[in-house]
PDB file of all heavy atoms in Angstrom:
ATOM      1  N   THR A   1     -24.653  52.349  10.785  1.00  0.00           N
ATOM      2  CA  THR A   1     -23.420  52.737  10.097  1.00  0.00           C
ATOM      3  C   THR A   1     -23.684  53.708   8.958  1.00  0.00           C
ATOM      4  O   THR A   1     -22.740  54.156   8.304  1.00  0.00           O
ATOM      5  CB  THR A   1     -22.715  51.495   9.525  1.00  0.00           C
ATOM      6  OG1 THR A   1     -23.533  50.906   8.493  1.00  0.00           O
ATOM      7  CG2 THR A   1     -22.455  50.459  10.605  1.00  0.00           C
ATOM      8  N   LEU A   2     -24.964  54.033   8.711  1.00  0.00           N
ATOM      9  CA  LEU A   2     -25.318  54.839   7.544  1.00  0.00           C
ATOM     10  C   LEU A   2     -25.773  56.247   7.907  1.00  0.00           C
ATOM     11  O   LEU A   2     -26.153  57.013   7.019  1.00  0.00           O
ATOM     12  CB  LEU A   2     -26.433  54.141   6.737  1.00  0.00           C
ATOM     13  CG  LEU A   2     -26.096  52.742   6.228  1.00  0.00           C
ATOM     14  CD1 LEU A   2     -27.330  52.116   5.571  1.00  0.00           C
ATOM     15  CD2 LEU A   2     -24.939  52.791   5.242  1.00  0.00           C
ATOM     16  N   ASP A   3     -25.759  56.587   9.180  1.00  0.00           N
ATOM     17  CA  ASP A   3     -26.232  57.905   9.600  1.00  0.00           C
ATOM     18  C   ASP A   3     -25.419  59.004   8.912  1.00  0.00           C
ATOM     19  O   ASP A   3     -24.183  58.947   8.859  1.00  0.00           O
ATOM     20  CB  ASP A   3     -26.111  58.060  11.115  1.00  0.00           C
ATOM     21  CG  ASP A   3     -27.047  57.121  11.863  1.00  0.00           C
ATOM     22  OD1 ASP A   3     -27.917  56.530  11.212  1.00  0.00           O
ATOM     23  OD2 ASP A   3     -26.885  56.981  13.096  1.00  0.00           O
ATOM     24  N   GLY A   4     -26.130  60.002   8.408  1.00  0.00           N
ATOM     25  CA  GLY A   4     -25.472  61.148   7.794  1.00  0.00           C
ATOM     26  C   GLY A   4     -25.099  60.961   6.335  1.00  0.00           C
ATOM     27  O   GLY A   4     -24.639  61.917   5.693  1.00  0.00           O
ATOM     28  N   LEU A   5     -25.302  59.768   5.793  1.00  0.00           N
ATOM     29  CA  LEU A   5     -24.951  59.524   4.389  1.00  0.00           C
ATOM     30  C   LEU A   5     -26.122  59.879   3.475  1.00  0.00           C
ATOM     31  O   LEU A   5     -27.288  59.760   3.856  1.00  0.00           O
ATOM     32  CB  LEU A   5     -24.570  58.059   4.172  1.00  0.00           C
ATOM     33  CG  LEU A   5     -23.369  57.520   4.953  1.00  0.00           C
ATOM     34  CD1 LEU A   5     -23.080  56.080   4.536  1.00  0.00           C
ATOM     35  CD2 LEU A   5     -22.138  58.392   4.741  1.00  0.00           C
ATOM     36  N   SER A   6     -25.813  60.317   2.266  1.00  0.00           N
ATOM     37  CA  SER A   6     -26.858  60.569   1.283  1.00  0.00           C
ATOM     38  C   SER A   6     -27.380  59.243   0.768  1.00  0.00           C
ATOM     39  O   SER A   6     -26.788  58.181   0.984  1.00  0.00           O
ATOM     40  CB  SER A   6     -26.291  61.387   0.122  1.00  0.00           C
ATOM     41  OG  SER A   6     -25.358  60.605  -0.623  1.00  0.00           O
ATOM     42  N   ASP A   7     -28.510  59.282   0.056  1.00  0.00           N
ATOM     43  CA  ASP A   7     -29.066  58.058  -0.516  1.00  0.00           C
ATOM     44  C   ASP A   7     -28.067  57.392  -1.462  1.00  0.00           C
ATOM     45  O   ASP A   7     -27.932  56.164  -1.473  1.00  0.00           O
ATOM     46  CB  ASP A   7     -30.364  58.364  -1.265  1.00  0.00           C
ATOM     47  CG  ASP A   7     -31.507  58.721  -0.324  1.00  0.00           C
ATOM     48  OD1 ASP A   7     -31.320  58.604   0.904  1.00  0.00           O
ATOM     49  OD2 ASP A   7     -32.580  59.126  -0.816  1.00  0.00           O
ATOM     50  N   ALA A   8     -27.381  58.204  -2.252  1.00  0.00           N
ATOM     51  CA  ALA A   8     -26.406  57.649  -3.192  1.00  0.00           C
ATOM     52  C   ALA A   8     -25.261  56.961  -2.448  1.00  0.00           C
ATOM     53  O   ALA A   8     -24.789  55.891  -2.854  1.00  0.00           O
ATOM     54  CB  ALA A   8     -25.863  58.754  -4.101  1.00  0.00           C
ATOM     55  N   GLU A   9     -24.824  57.563  -1.337  1.00  0.00           N
ATOM     56  CA  GLU A   9     -23.753  56.964  -0.548  1.00  0.00           C
ATOM     57  C   GLU A   9     -24.212  55.673   0.128  1.00  0.00           C
ATOM     58  O   GLU A   9     -23.435  54.726   0.279  1.00  0.00           O
ATOM     59  CB  GLU A   9     -23.252  57.971   0.493  1.00  0.00           C
ATOM     60  CG  GLU A   9     -22.490  59.141  -0.115  1.00  0.00           C
ATOM     61  CD  GLU A   9     -22.214  60.243   0.894  1.00  0.00           C
ATOM     62  OE1 GLU A   9     -23.013  60.407   1.848  1.00  0.00           O
ATOM     63  OE2 GLU A   9     -21.205  60.955   0.735  1.00  0.00           O
ATOM     64  N   VAL A  10     -25.484  55.644   0.529  1.00  0.00           N
ATOM     65  CA  VAL A  10     -26.031  54.408   1.101  1.00  0.00           C
ATOM     66  C   VAL A  10     -25.982  53.283   0.080  1.00  0.00           C
ATOM     67  O   VAL A  10     -25.576  52.154   0.387  1.00  0.00           O
ATOM     68  CB  VAL A  10     -27.480  54.625   1.588  1.00  0.00           C
ATOM     69  CG1 VAL A  10     -28.142  53.289   1.926  1.00  0.00           C
ATOM     70  CG2 VAL A  10     -27.497  55.536   2.814  1.00  0.00           C
ATOM     71  N   MET A  11     -26.387  53.585  -1.155  1.00  0.00           N
ATOM     72  CA  MET A  11     -26.371  52.549  -2.187  1.00  0.00           C
ATOM     73  C   MET A  11     -24.941  52.102  -2.491  1.00  0.00           C
ATOM     74  O   MET A  11     -24.705  50.928  -2.814  1.00  0.00           O
ATOM     75  CB  MET A  11     -27.063  53.056  -3.449  1.00  0.00           C
ATOM     76  CG  MET A  11     -28.549  53.378  -3.255  1.00  0.00           C
ATOM     77  SD  MET A  11     -29.497  52.026  -2.521  1.00  0.00           S
ATOM     78  CE  MET A  11     -29.535  50.866  -3.902  1.00  0.00           C
ATOM     79  N   ASP A  12     -23.986  53.012  -2.384  1.00  0.00           N
ATOM     80  CA  ASP A  12     -22.571  52.622  -2.517  1.00  0.00           C
ATOM     81  C   ASP A  12     -22.201  51.593  -1.450  1.00  0.00           C
ATOM     82  O   ASP A  12     -21.558  50.576  -1.739  1.00  0.00           O
ATOM     83  CB  ASP A  12     -21.659  53.849  -2.377  1.00  0.00           C
ATOM     84  CG  ASP A  12     -21.712  54.751  -3.601  1.00  0.00           C
ATOM     85  OD1 ASP A  12     -22.165  54.282  -4.661  1.00  0.00           O
ATOM     86  OD2 ASP A  12     -21.293  55.918  -3.484  1.00  0.00           O
ATOM     87  N   LYS A  13     -22.617  51.864  -0.209  1.00  0.00           N
ATOM     88  CA  LYS A  13     -22.307  50.954   0.894  1.00  0.00           C
ATOM     89  C   LYS A  13     -22.956  49.586   0.690  1.00  0.00           C
ATOM     90  O   LYS A  13     -22.418  48.559   1.120  1.00  0.00           O
ATOM     91  CB  LYS A  13     -22.788  51.546   2.221  1.00  0.00           C
ATOM     92  CG  LYS A  13     -22.029  52.778   2.677  1.00  0.00           C
ATOM     93  CD  LYS A  13     -20.670  52.399   3.249  1.00  0.00           C
ATOM     94  CE  LYS A  13     -19.981  53.590   3.884  1.00  0.00           C
ATOM     95  NZ  LYS A  13     -18.651  53.228   4.440  1.00  0.00           N
ATOM     96  N   LEU A  14     -24.113  49.578   0.043  1.00  0.00           N
ATOM     97  CA  LEU A  14     -24.815  48.319  -0.192  1.00  0.00           C
ATOM     98  C   LEU A  14     -24.251  47.548  -1.372  1.00  0.00           C
ATOM     99  O   LEU A  14     -24.669  46.411  -1.635  1.00  0.00           O
ATOM    100  CB  LEU A  14     -26.309  48.581  -0.433  1.00  0.00           C
ATOM    101  CG  LEU A  14     -27.097  49.220   0.712  1.00  0.00           C
ATOM    102  CD1 LEU A  14     -28.564  49.375   0.331  1.00  0.00           C
ATOM    103  CD2 LEU A  14     -26.973  48.397   1.976  1.00  0.00           C
ATOM    104  N   GLY A  15     -23.335  48.183  -2.102  1.00  0.00           N
ATOM    105  CA  GLY A  15     -22.743  47.520  -3.257  1.00  0.00           C
ATOM    106  C   GLY A  15     -23.523  47.708  -4.531  1.00  0.00           C
ATOM    107  O   GLY A  15     -23.357  46.943  -5.486  1.00  0.00           O
ATOM    108  N   HIS A  16     -24.381  48.749  -4.586  1.00  0.00           N
ATOM    109  CA  HIS A  16     -25.201  48.999  -5.772  1.00  0.00           C
ATOM    110  C   HIS A  16     -25.023  50.449  -6.212  1.00  0.00           C
ATOM    111  O   HIS A  16     -25.986  51.217  -6.286  1.00  0.00           O
ATOM    112  CB  HIS A  16     -26.670  48.690  -5.486  1.00  0.00           C
ATOM    113  CG  HIS A  16     -26.907  47.275  -5.041  1.00  0.00           C
ATOM    114  ND1 HIS A  16     -26.789  46.201  -5.898  1.00  0.00           N
ATOM    115  CD2 HIS A  16     -27.221  46.752  -3.826  1.00  0.00           C
ATOM    116  CE1 HIS A  16     -27.040  45.079  -5.240  1.00  0.00           C
ATOM    117  NE2 HIS A  16     -27.304  45.385  -3.981  1.00  0.00           N
ATOM    118  N   THR A  17     -23.806  50.792  -6.506  1.00  0.00           N
ATOM    119  CA  THR A  17     -23.480  52.160  -6.909  1.00  0.00           C
ATOM    120  C   THR A  17     -24.268  52.547  -8.159  1.00  0.00           C
ATOM    121  O   THR A  17     -24.336  51.783  -9.126  1.00  0.00           O
ATOM    122  CB  THR A  17     -21.973  52.278  -7.192  1.00  0.00           C
ATOM    123  OG1 THR A  17     -21.254  51.928  -5.998  1.00  0.00           O
ATOM    124  CG2 THR A  17     -21.610  53.678  -7.621  1.00  0.00           C
ATOM    125  N   GLY A  18     -24.849  53.751  -8.119  1.00  0.00           N
ATOM    126  CA  GLY A  18     -25.571  54.270  -9.268  1.00  0.00           C
ATOM    127  C   GLY A  18     -27.019  53.841  -9.348  1.00  0.00           C
ATOM    128  O   GLY A  18     -27.756  54.318 -10.221  1.00  0.00           O
ATOM    129  N   VAL A  19     -27.473  52.964  -8.449  1.00  0.00           N
ATOM    130  CA  VAL A  19     -28.862  52.511  -8.457  1.00  0.00           C
ATOM    131  C   VAL A  19     -29.702  53.477  -7.619  1.00  0.00           C
ATOM    132  O   VAL A  19     -29.360  53.785  -6.479  1.00  0.00           O
ATOM    133  CB  VAL A  19     -28.985  51.086  -7.893  1.00  0.00           C
ATOM    134  CG1 VAL A  19     -30.453  50.668  -7.781  1.00  0.00           C
ATOM    135  CG2 VAL A  19     -28.217  50.106  -8.766  1.00  0.00           C
ATOM    136  N   PHE A  20     -30.806  53.959  -8.194  1.00  0.00           N
ATOM    137  CA  PHE A  20     -31.704  54.831  -7.447  1.00  0.00           C
ATOM    138  C   PHE A  20     -32.476  53.975  -6.441  1.00  0.00           C
ATOM    139  O   PHE A  20     -33.059  52.954  -6.801  1.00  0.00           O
ATOM    140  CB  PHE A  20     -32.659  55.537  -8.406  1.00  0.00           C
ATOM    141  CG  PHE A  20     -33.526  56.564  -7.740  1.00  0.00           C
ATOM    142  CD1 PHE A  20     -32.974  57.642  -7.085  1.00  0.00           C
ATOM    143  CD2 PHE A  20     -34.909  56.444  -7.772  1.00  0.00           C
ATOM    144  CE1 PHE A  20     -33.772  58.593  -6.468  1.00  0.00           C
ATOM    145  CE2 PHE A  20     -35.724  57.387  -7.167  1.00  0.00           C
ATOM    146  CZ  PHE A  20     -35.150  58.459  -6.518  1.00  0.00           C
ATOM    147  N   PRO A  21     -32.510  54.355  -5.162  1.00  0.00           N
ATOM    148  CA  PRO A  21     -33.018  53.447  -4.129  1.00  0.00           C
ATOM    149  C   PRO A  21     -34.526  53.284  -4.061  1.00  0.00           C
ATOM    150  O   PRO A  21     -35.012  52.292  -3.512  1.00  0.00           O
ATOM    151  CB  PRO A  21     -32.491  54.077  -2.835  1.00  0.00           C
ATOM    152  CG  PRO A  21     -32.371  55.531  -3.143  1.00  0.00           C
ATOM    153  CD  PRO A  21     -31.939  55.588  -4.586  1.00  0.00           C
ATOM    154  N   GLU A  22     -35.267  54.240  -4.589  1.00  0.00           N
ATOM    155  CA  GLU A  22     -36.719  54.176  -4.409  1.00  0.00           C
ATOM    156  C   GLU A  22     -37.308  52.900  -5.005  1.00  0.00           C
ATOM    157  O   GLU A  22     -37.060  52.546  -6.149  1.00  0.00           O
ATOM    158  CB  GLU A  22     -37.386  55.397  -5.063  1.00  0.00           C
ATOM    159  CG  GLU A  22     -38.774  55.673  -4.526  1.00  0.00           C
ATOM    160  CD  GLU A  22     -38.713  56.129  -3.070  1.00  0.00           C
ATOM    161  OE1 GLU A  22     -38.482  57.326  -2.842  1.00  0.00           O
ATOM    162  OE2 GLU A  22     -38.885  55.274  -2.176  1.00  0.00           O
ATOM    163  N   GLY A  23     -38.091  52.197  -4.196  1.00  0.00           N
ATOM    164  CA  GLY A  23     -38.778  51.002  -4.663  1.00  0.00           C
ATOM    165  C   GLY A  23     -37.911  49.769  -4.792  1.00  0.00           C
ATOM    166  O   GLY A  23     -38.401  48.727  -5.231  1.00  0.00           O
ATOM    167  N   ARG A  24     -36.636  49.845  -4.392  1.00  0.00           N
ATOM    168  CA  ARG A  24     -35.724  48.718  -4.607  1.00  0.00           C
ATOM    169  C   ARG A  24     -35.610  47.792  -3.394  1.00  0.00           C
ATOM    170  O   ARG A  24     -34.759  46.905  -3.370  1.00  0.00           O
ATOM    171  CB  ARG A  24     -34.331  49.241  -4.981  1.00  0.00           C
ATOM    172  CG  ARG A  24     -34.279  50.053  -6.264  1.00  0.00           C
ATOM    173  CD  ARG A  24     -34.903  49.337  -7.445  1.00  0.00           C
ATOM    174  NE  ARG A  24     -34.225  48.107  -7.779  1.00  0.00           N
ATOM    175  CZ  ARG A  24     -33.406  47.955  -8.812  1.00  0.00           C
ATOM    176  NH1 ARG A  24     -33.188  48.970  -9.633  1.00  0.00           N
ATOM    177  NH2 ARG A  24     -32.841  46.796  -9.048  1.00  0.00           N
ATOM    178  N   PHE A  25     -36.457  47.973  -2.401  1.00  0.00           N
ATOM    179  CA  PHE A  25     -36.417  47.154  -1.195  1.00  0.00           C
ATOM    180  C   PHE A  25     -37.787  46.524  -0.969  1.00  0.00           C
ATOM    181  O   PHE A  25     -38.812  47.157  -1.198  1.00  0.00           O
ATOM    182  CB  PHE A  25     -35.984  47.995   0.007  1.00  0.00           C
ATOM    183  CG  PHE A  25     -34.638  48.632  -0.183  1.00  0.00           C
ATOM    184  CD1 PHE A  25     -34.526  49.880  -0.798  1.00  0.00           C
ATOM    185  CD2 PHE A  25     -33.488  47.979   0.204  1.00  0.00           C
ATOM    186  CE1 PHE A  25     -33.288  50.467  -1.016  1.00  0.00           C
ATOM    187  CE2 PHE A  25     -32.237  48.550  -0.001  1.00  0.00           C
ATOM    188  CZ  PHE A  25     -32.143  49.791  -0.615  1.00  0.00           C
TER     189      PHE A  25
END
């Protein structure tokens, strides 16, 4: 469901708006 989304948009979908994704998994 995340194809084509930017990293920021992915984090929005995960419910963590504004969080930089690197190292958070």
